[in-house]
C-alpha atoms as a PDB file:
ATOM      1  CA  GLN A   1       0.160   0.088  -0.059  1.00  0.00           C
ATOM      2  CA  ALA A   2       2.353   2.171   0.736  1.00  0.00           C
ATOM      3  CA  LEU A   3       4.184   1.501  -2.677  1.00  0.00           C
ATOM      4  CA  ASN A   4       0.956   2.332  -4.564  1.00  0.00           C
ATOM      5  CA  ALA A   5       0.975   5.943  -2.598  1.00  0.00           C
ATOM      6  CA  LEU A   6       4.278   6.195  -3.486  1.00  0.00           C
ATOM      7  CA  TYR A   7       4.323   5.330  -7.005  1.00  0.00           C
ATOM      8  CA  GLU A   8       0.898   7.955  -7.373  1.00  0.00           C
ATOM      9  CA  GLN A   9       2.596  11.092  -5.741  1.00  0.00           C
ATOM     10  CA  CYS A  10       4.825  10.458  -8.381  1.00  0.00           C
ATOM     11  CA  ALA A  11       2.880   9.950 -11.108  1.00  0.00           C
ATOM     12  CA  ALA A  12       0.904  13.192 -10.215  1.00  0.00           C
ATOM     13  CA  SER A  13       4.061  14.643  -9.967  1.00  0.00           C
ATOM     14  CA  ILE A  14       4.927  14.428 -14.203  1.00  0.00           C
ATOM     15  CA  PRO A  15       4.555  17.463 -14.788  1.00  0.00           C
ATOM     16  CA  ASP A  16       7.171  19.059 -12.679  1.00  0.00           C
ATOM     17  CA  THR A  17       9.840  16.298 -12.688  1.00  0.00           C
ATOM     18  CA  THR A  18      12.701  16.034 -14.647  1.00  0.00           C
ATOM     19  CA  TYR A  19      14.356  12.977 -12.472  1.00  0.00           C
ATOM     20  CA  PHE A  20      12.666  10.234 -10.490  1.00  0.00           C
ATOM     21  CA  VAL A  21      15.540   9.396  -7.203  1.00  0.00           C
ATOM     22  CA  LEU A  22      15.856   6.464  -4.833  1.00  0.00           C
ATOM     23  CA  SER A  23      18.495   6.786  -2.757  1.00  0.00           C
ATOM     24  CA  GLY A  24      18.848   4.374   0.657  1.00  0.00           C
ATOM     25  CA  SER A  25      18.139   0.634   2.220  1.00  0.00           C
ATOM     26  CA  LEU A  26      15.456  -0.887   1.287  1.00  0.00           C
ATOM     27  CA  PRO A  27      12.977  -0.683   4.152  1.00  0.00           C
ATOM     28  CA  GLN A  28      13.564  -3.857   6.408  1.00  0.00           C
ATOM     29  CA  GLY A  29      11.404  -6.763   5.449  1.00  0.00           C
ATOM     30  CA  MET A  30      10.312  -5.653   1.748  1.00  0.00           C
ATOM     31  CA  PRO A  31      10.637  -8.176  -0.482  1.00  0.00           C
ATOM     32  CA  ILE A  32      12.650  -7.589  -3.265  1.00  0.00           C
ATOM     33  CA  GLU A  33       9.670  -8.312  -6.076  1.00  0.00           C
ATOM     34  CA  ALA A  34       8.337  -5.608  -4.448  1.00  0.00           C
ATOM     35  CA  TYR A  35      10.246  -3.429  -4.766  1.00  0.00           C
ATOM     36  CA  GLU A  36      11.229  -4.738  -8.628  1.00  0.00           C
ATOM     37  CA  GLN A  37       7.754  -4.041  -9.037  1.00  0.00           C
ATOM     38  CA  PHE A  38       8.017  -0.472  -8.219  1.00  0.00           C
ATOM     39  CA  LEU A  39      10.886   0.455 -10.296  1.00  0.00           C
ATOM     40  CA  HIS A  40       9.153  -0.851 -13.412  1.00  0.00           C
ATOM     41  CA  ARG A  41       6.225   0.995 -12.913  1.00  0.00           C
ATOM     42  CA  LEU A  42       8.143   4.255 -12.049  1.00  0.00           C
ATOM     43  CA  LYS A  43      10.212   3.367 -15.598  1.00  0.00           C
ATOM     44  CA  SER A  44       5.976   3.244 -17.405  1.00  0.00           C
ATOM     45  CA  LEU A  45       6.616   6.898 -16.842  1.00  0.00           C
ATOM     46  CA  ASN A  46       9.450   7.890 -18.660  1.00  0.00           C
ATOM     47  CA  LYS A  47      11.311  10.266 -16.822  1.00  0.00           C
ATOM     48  CA  PRO A  48      15.037   9.176 -16.225  1.00  0.00           C
ATOM     49  CA  ILE A  49      15.645   7.385 -12.940  1.00  0.00           C
ATOM     50  CA  ILE A  50      18.767   7.491 -11.316  1.00  0.00           C
ATOM     51  CA  LEU A  51      19.645   4.852  -8.163  1.00  0.00           C
ATOM     52  CA  ASP A  52      21.668   4.761  -5.564  1.00  0.00           C
ATOM     53  CA  THR A  53      21.201   1.651  -3.424  1.00  0.00           C
ATOM     54  CA  SER A  54      22.267  -1.712  -1.554  1.00  0.00           C
ATOM     55  CA  ASN A  55      22.121  -5.545  -1.165  1.00  0.00           C
ATOM     56  CA  GLU A  56      19.687  -7.192  -3.061  1.00  0.00           C
ATOM     57  CA  ALA A  57      18.183  -3.948  -4.166  1.00  0.00           C
ATOM     58  CA  LEU A  58      21.113  -2.791  -5.548  1.00  0.00           C
ATOM     59  CA  ARG A  59      20.902  -6.052  -8.137  1.00  0.00           C
ATOM     60  CA  ALA A  60      17.612  -5.598  -8.987  1.00  0.00           C
ATOM     61  CA  ALA A  61      18.314  -1.491 -10.318  1.00  0.00           C
ATOM     62  CA  TYR A  62      21.532  -2.725 -11.969  1.00  0.00           C
ATOM     63  CA  ALA A  63      19.132  -5.364 -13.978  1.00  0.00           C
ATOM     64  CA  PHE A  64      16.870  -2.337 -14.414  1.00  0.00           C
ATOM     65  CA  GLN A  65      19.211  -0.255 -16.090  1.00  0.00           C
ATOM     66  CA  PRO A  66      18.184   3.303 -14.697  1.00  0.00           C
ATOM     67  CA  MET A  67      20.290   6.796 -16.406  1.00  0.00           C
ATOM     68  CA  LEU A  68      22.424   6.903 -13.194  1.00  0.00           C
ATOM     69  CA  LEU A  69      23.434   4.217 -10.486  1.00  0.00           C
ATOM     70  CA  LYS A  70      26.354   4.980  -8.029  1.00  0.00           C
ATOM     71  CA  PRO A  71      27.403   1.868  -5.787  1.00  0.00           C
ATOM     72  CA  ASN A  72      30.355   2.228  -2.557  1.00  0.00           C
ATOM     73  CA  GLU A  73      33.631   0.326  -4.024  1.00  0.00           C
ATOM     74  CA  GLN A  74      31.729  -2.954  -1.474  1.00  0.00           C
ATOM     75  CA  GLU A  75      28.762  -2.521  -3.472  1.00  0.00           C
ATOM     76  CA  PHE A  76      30.618  -2.392  -6.532  1.00  0.00           C
ATOM     77  CA  GLN A  77      32.504  -5.278  -6.102  1.00  0.00           C
ATOM     78  CA  GLN A  78      29.473  -7.202  -4.756  1.00  0.00           C
ATOM     79  CA  LEU A  79      28.085  -6.675  -7.704  1.00  0.00           C
ATOM     80  CA  THR A  80      30.835  -7.498  -9.963  1.00  0.00           C
ATOM     81  CA  ASN A  81      31.288 -10.344  -7.890  1.00  0.00           C
ATOM     82  CA  LEU A  82      35.399  -9.073  -7.912  1.00  0.00           C
ATOM     83  CA  SER A  83      37.778  -8.604  -5.830  1.00  0.00           C
ATOM     84  CA  LEU A  84      38.958  -5.025  -6.369  1.00  0.00           C
ATOM     85  CA  SER A  85      42.000  -2.962  -4.646  1.00  0.00           C
ATOM     86  CA  SER A  86      43.710  -0.392  -7.710  1.00  0.00           C
ATOM     87  CA  ILE A  87      42.041   2.176  -8.957  1.00  0.00           C
ATOM     88  CA  GLU A  88      43.895   0.674 -12.130  1.00  0.00           C
ATOM     89  CA  GLU A  89      41.726  -3.107 -11.226  1.00  0.00           C
ATOM     90  CA  TYR A  90      38.260  -0.563 -10.660  1.00  0.00           C
ATOM     91  CA  LYS A  91      38.825   1.250 -14.273  1.00  0.00           C
ATOM     92  CA  ALA A  92      39.171  -2.401 -15.770  1.00  0.00           C
ATOM     93  CA  ALA A  93      36.457  -3.537 -13.764  1.00  0.00           C
ATOM     94  CA  MET A  94      33.810  -0.808 -15.243  1.00  0.00           C
ATOM     95  CA  ARG A  95      35.445  -1.278 -19.086  1.00  0.00           C
ATOM     96  CA  SER A  96      34.613  -5.054 -19.121  1.00  0.00           C
ATOM     97  CA  ILE A  97      30.436  -4.146 -18.270  1.00  0.00           C
ATOM     98  CA  LYS A  98      29.246  -3.778 -21.307  1.00  0.00           C
ATOM     99  CA  LYS A  99      25.634  -2.502 -20.528  1.00  0.00           C
ATOM    100  CA  ALA A 100      26.382   0.442 -17.985  1.00  0.00           C
ATOM    101  CA  PRO A 101      23.884   2.346 -16.833  1.00  0.00           C
ATOM    102  CA  LEU A 102      24.527   6.154 -18.618  1.00  0.00           C
ATOM    103  CA  TYR A 103      26.485   7.205 -14.885  1.00  0.00           C
ATOM    104  CA  LEU A 104      28.173   4.195 -13.372  1.00  0.00           C
ATOM    105  CA  ILE A 105      29.985   6.189 -10.517  1.00  0.00           C
ATOM    106  CA  VAL A 106      31.667   4.721  -7.888  1.00  0.00           C
ATOM    107  CA  SER A 107      32.976   6.582  -4.911  1.00  0.00           C
ATOM    108  CA  LEU A 108      35.977   5.499  -3.644  1.00  0.00           C
ATOM    109  CA  GLY A 109      36.187   7.581  -0.233  1.00  0.00           C
ATOM    110  CA  SER A 110      39.129   8.652   0.732  1.00  0.00           C
ATOM    111  CA  ALA A 111      40.885   7.554  -2.999  1.00  0.00           C
ATOM    112  CA  GLY A 112      37.621   9.748  -5.037  1.00  0.00           C
ATOM    113  CA  ALA A 113      34.915   8.356  -7.544  1.00  0.00           C
ATOM    114  CA  LEU A 114      35.172   6.790 -10.995  1.00  0.00           C
ATOM    115  CA  LEU A 115      32.257   7.178 -13.286  1.00  0.00           C
ATOM    116  CA  LYS A 116      31.669   6.107 -16.843  1.00  0.00           C
ATOM    117  CA  HIS A 117      29.552   8.131 -18.915  1.00  0.00           C
ATOM    118  CA  GLU A 118      29.307   6.658 -22.657  1.00  0.00           C
ATOM    119  CA  GLN A 119      32.736   5.952 -23.778  1.00  0.00           C
ATOM    120  CA  THR A 120      34.423   7.772 -21.407  1.00  0.00           C
ATOM    121  CA  ILE A 121      35.849   6.805 -17.840  1.00  0.00           C
ATOM    122  CA  PHE A 122      36.554   9.434 -15.317  1.00  0.00           C
ATOM    123  CA  TYR A 123      38.777   9.832 -12.003  1.00  0.00           C
ATOM    124  CA  ALA A 124      38.645  12.492  -9.870  1.00  0.00           C
ATOM    125  CA  GLN A 125      40.665  13.150  -7.016  1.00  0.00           C
ATOM    126  CA  THR A 126      41.338  15.574  -4.179  1.00  0.00           C
ATOM    127  CA  THR A 127      45.157  16.952  -4.566  1.00  0.00           C
ATOM    128  CA  GLN A 128      44.426  17.995  -0.182  1.00  0.00           C
ATOM    129  CA  GLN A 129      43.882  16.073   2.460  1.00  0.00           C
ATOM    130  CA  PHE A 130      41.026  17.993   4.329  1.00  0.00           C
ATOM    131  CA  ASN A 131      40.102  16.655   8.310  1.00  0.00           C
ATOM    132  CA  ILE A 132      37.356  14.724   7.913  1.00  0.00           C
ATOM    133  CA  VAL A 133      34.580  14.248  11.169  1.00  0.00           C
ATOM    134  CA  ASN A 134      32.271  12.296   9.960  1.00  0.00           C
ATOM    135  CA  THR A 135      31.019  10.606   6.648  1.00  0.00           C
ATOM    136  CA  VAL A 136      27.470  10.135   7.426  1.00  0.00           C
ATOM    137  CA  GLY A 137      25.768  11.265   4.709  1.00  0.00           C
ATOM    138  CA  SER A 138      28.644  12.191   2.261  1.00  0.00           C
ATOM    139  CA  GLY A 139      27.313  10.136  -0.469  1.00  0.00           C
ATOM    140  CA  ASP A 140      23.579  11.307  -0.754  1.00  0.00           C
ATOM    141  CA  SER A 141      25.462  14.671  -0.851  1.00  0.00           C
ATOM    142  CA  PHE A 142      27.900  13.999  -3.763  1.00  0.00           C
ATOM    143  CA  LEU A 143      24.725  12.405  -5.495  1.00  0.00           C
ATOM    144  CA  ALA A 144      23.088  15.747  -4.152  1.00  0.00           C
ATOM    145  CA  ALA A 145      25.523  17.649  -6.524  1.00  0.00           C
ATOM    146  CA  PHE A 146      25.189  15.223  -9.200  1.00  0.00           C
ATOM    147  CA  VAL A 147      22.262  16.140  -9.939  1.00  0.00           C
ATOM    148  CA  ALA A 148      22.475  19.513  -9.537  1.00  0.00           C
ATOM    149  CA  GLY A 149      24.736  19.113 -11.968  1.00  0.00           C
ATOM    150  CA  LEU A 150      22.821  17.307 -14.219  1.00  0.00           C
ATOM    151  CA  TYR A 151      20.089  19.797 -14.007  1.00  0.00           C
ATOM    152  CA  THR A 152      21.737  22.774 -14.785  1.00  0.00           C
ATOM    153  CA  ALA A 153      23.724  21.213 -17.570  1.00  0.00           C
ATOM    154  CA  GLN A 154      27.144  21.382 -16.391  1.00  0.00           C
ATOM    155  CA  SER A 155      30.224  19.146 -18.035  1.00  0.00           C
ATOM    156  CA  THR A 156      30.209  15.903 -17.624  1.00  0.00           C
ATOM    157  CA  THR A 157      33.801  16.677 -15.677  1.00  0.00           C
ATOM    158  CA  THR A 158      32.622  19.473 -13.925  1.00  0.00           C
ATOM    159  CA  THR A 159      29.287  17.771 -12.143  1.00  0.00           C
ATOM    160  CA  LEU A 160      32.180  15.184 -11.252  1.00  0.00           C
ATOM    161  CA  LYS A 161      33.873  18.062  -9.538  1.00  0.00           C
ATOM    162  CA  MET A 162      30.464  19.627  -8.007  1.00  0.00           C
ATOM    163  CA  ALA A 163      29.851  15.771  -6.174  1.00  0.00           C
ATOM    164  CA  MET A 164      33.065  15.369  -4.839  1.00  0.00           C
ATOM    165  CA  ALA A 165      33.600  18.976  -3.360  1.00  0.00           C
ATOM    166  CA  ALA A 166      30.087  18.265  -1.755  1.00  0.00           C
ATOM    167  CA  GLY A 167      30.901  15.085  -0.389  1.00  0.00           C
ATOM    168  CA  VAL A 168      34.063  16.420   1.214  1.00  0.00           C
ATOM    169  CA  ALA A 169      31.957  19.575   1.987  1.00  0.00           C
ATOM    170  CA  ASN A 170      29.858  17.332   4.177  1.00  0.00           C
ATOM    171  CA  ALA A 171      32.707  14.923   5.861  1.00  0.00           C
ATOM    172  CA  ARG A 172      34.196  17.384   7.270  1.00  0.00           C
ATOM    173  CA  HIS A 173      31.557  18.234  10.379  1.00  0.00           C
ATOM    174  CA  MET A 174      29.240  16.686  12.338  1.00  0.00           C
ATOM    175  CA  ALA A 175      26.421  18.043  10.663  1.00  0.00           C
ATOM    176  CA  ILE A 176      25.178  15.886   8.811  1.00  0.00           C
ATOM    177  CA  ALA A 177      24.087  16.381   4.632  1.00  0.00           C
ATOM    178  CA  GLU A 178      25.518  20.332   6.191  1.00  0.00           C
ATOM    179  CA  ILE A 179      26.973  21.395   3.743  1.00  0.00           C
ATOM    180  CA  ASP A 180      29.114  24.409   4.456  1.00  0.00           C
ATOM    181  CA  LEU A 181      29.806  26.839   1.174  1.00  0.00           C
ATOM    182  CA  GLN A 182      33.531  27.997   2.144  1.00  0.00           C
ATOM    183  CA  HIS A 183      34.359  24.152   2.833  1.00  0.00           C
ATOM    184  CA  TYR A 184      32.913  23.113  -0.637  1.00  0.00           C
ATOM    185  CA  ASN A 185      34.658  25.446  -2.729  1.00  0.00           C
ATOM    186  CA  GLU A 186      37.748  25.158  -0.718  1.00  0.00           C
ATOM    187  CA  ALA A 187      36.920  21.380  -2.025  1.00  0.00           C
ATOM    188  CA  LEU A 188      36.682  22.065  -5.333  1.00  0.00           C
ATOM    189  CA  SER A 189      39.670  23.680  -5.704  1.00  0.00           C
ATOM    190  CA  THR A 190      41.794  21.038  -5.569  1.00  0.00           C
ATOM    191  CA  ILE A 191      39.552  18.615  -7.143  1.00  0.00           C
ATOM    192  CA  VAL A 192      41.192  17.249 -10.270  1.00  0.00           C
ATOM    193  CA  VAL A 193      39.313  14.648 -12.927  1.00  0.00           C
ATOM    194  CA  THR A 194      40.922  12.768 -15.677  1.00  0.00           C
ATOM    195  CA  GLU A 195      39.988  10.979 -18.639  1.00  0.00           C
ATOM    196  CA  GLU A 196      39.857   7.876 -20.221  1.00  0.00           C
ATOM    197  CA  GLU A 197      38.637   6.140 -23.574  1.00  0.00           C
ATOM    198  CA  VAL A 198      37.108   2.966 -22.216  1.00  0.00           C
END
């Protein structure tokens, strides 16, 4: 019933909606089949879907082929059934995925983030170490800034830098998903992005 109500809210929002963003773990006790059915119904609304989840829901989301999927390093290893440690190993694994979402992002914590978009792999990292206080909410901050970059038609490189900066800025204080503009701009100025063809 709750999923039906959520779907009806999504359907009613269509005139004002650019993307549907589904972020977080499934509620305890929710059958994965119910989540899959919800995704199929949501897809019928013909709006891009952005997913950030884990475990069984991540596998379901990958099979569903959303516009954007953002696993972290452990989740990506579970998804690919690979044991990965170096950046080059992650890049090789991303290259090997033939049916990737339009934006496949692997967040790597302090090591940065990888993005596979069309025929290019982008690697973003900071050139400066910051005092990290609390990483809770950094993944959500990253995703929110990435979506903001997409919505405002920024370049892929700029969008990835925005996302990285938001994630770092969130981690620099105890409050969750609260971005200090000075911290954001400081992080943004230190981020470099390299590109490789797939």
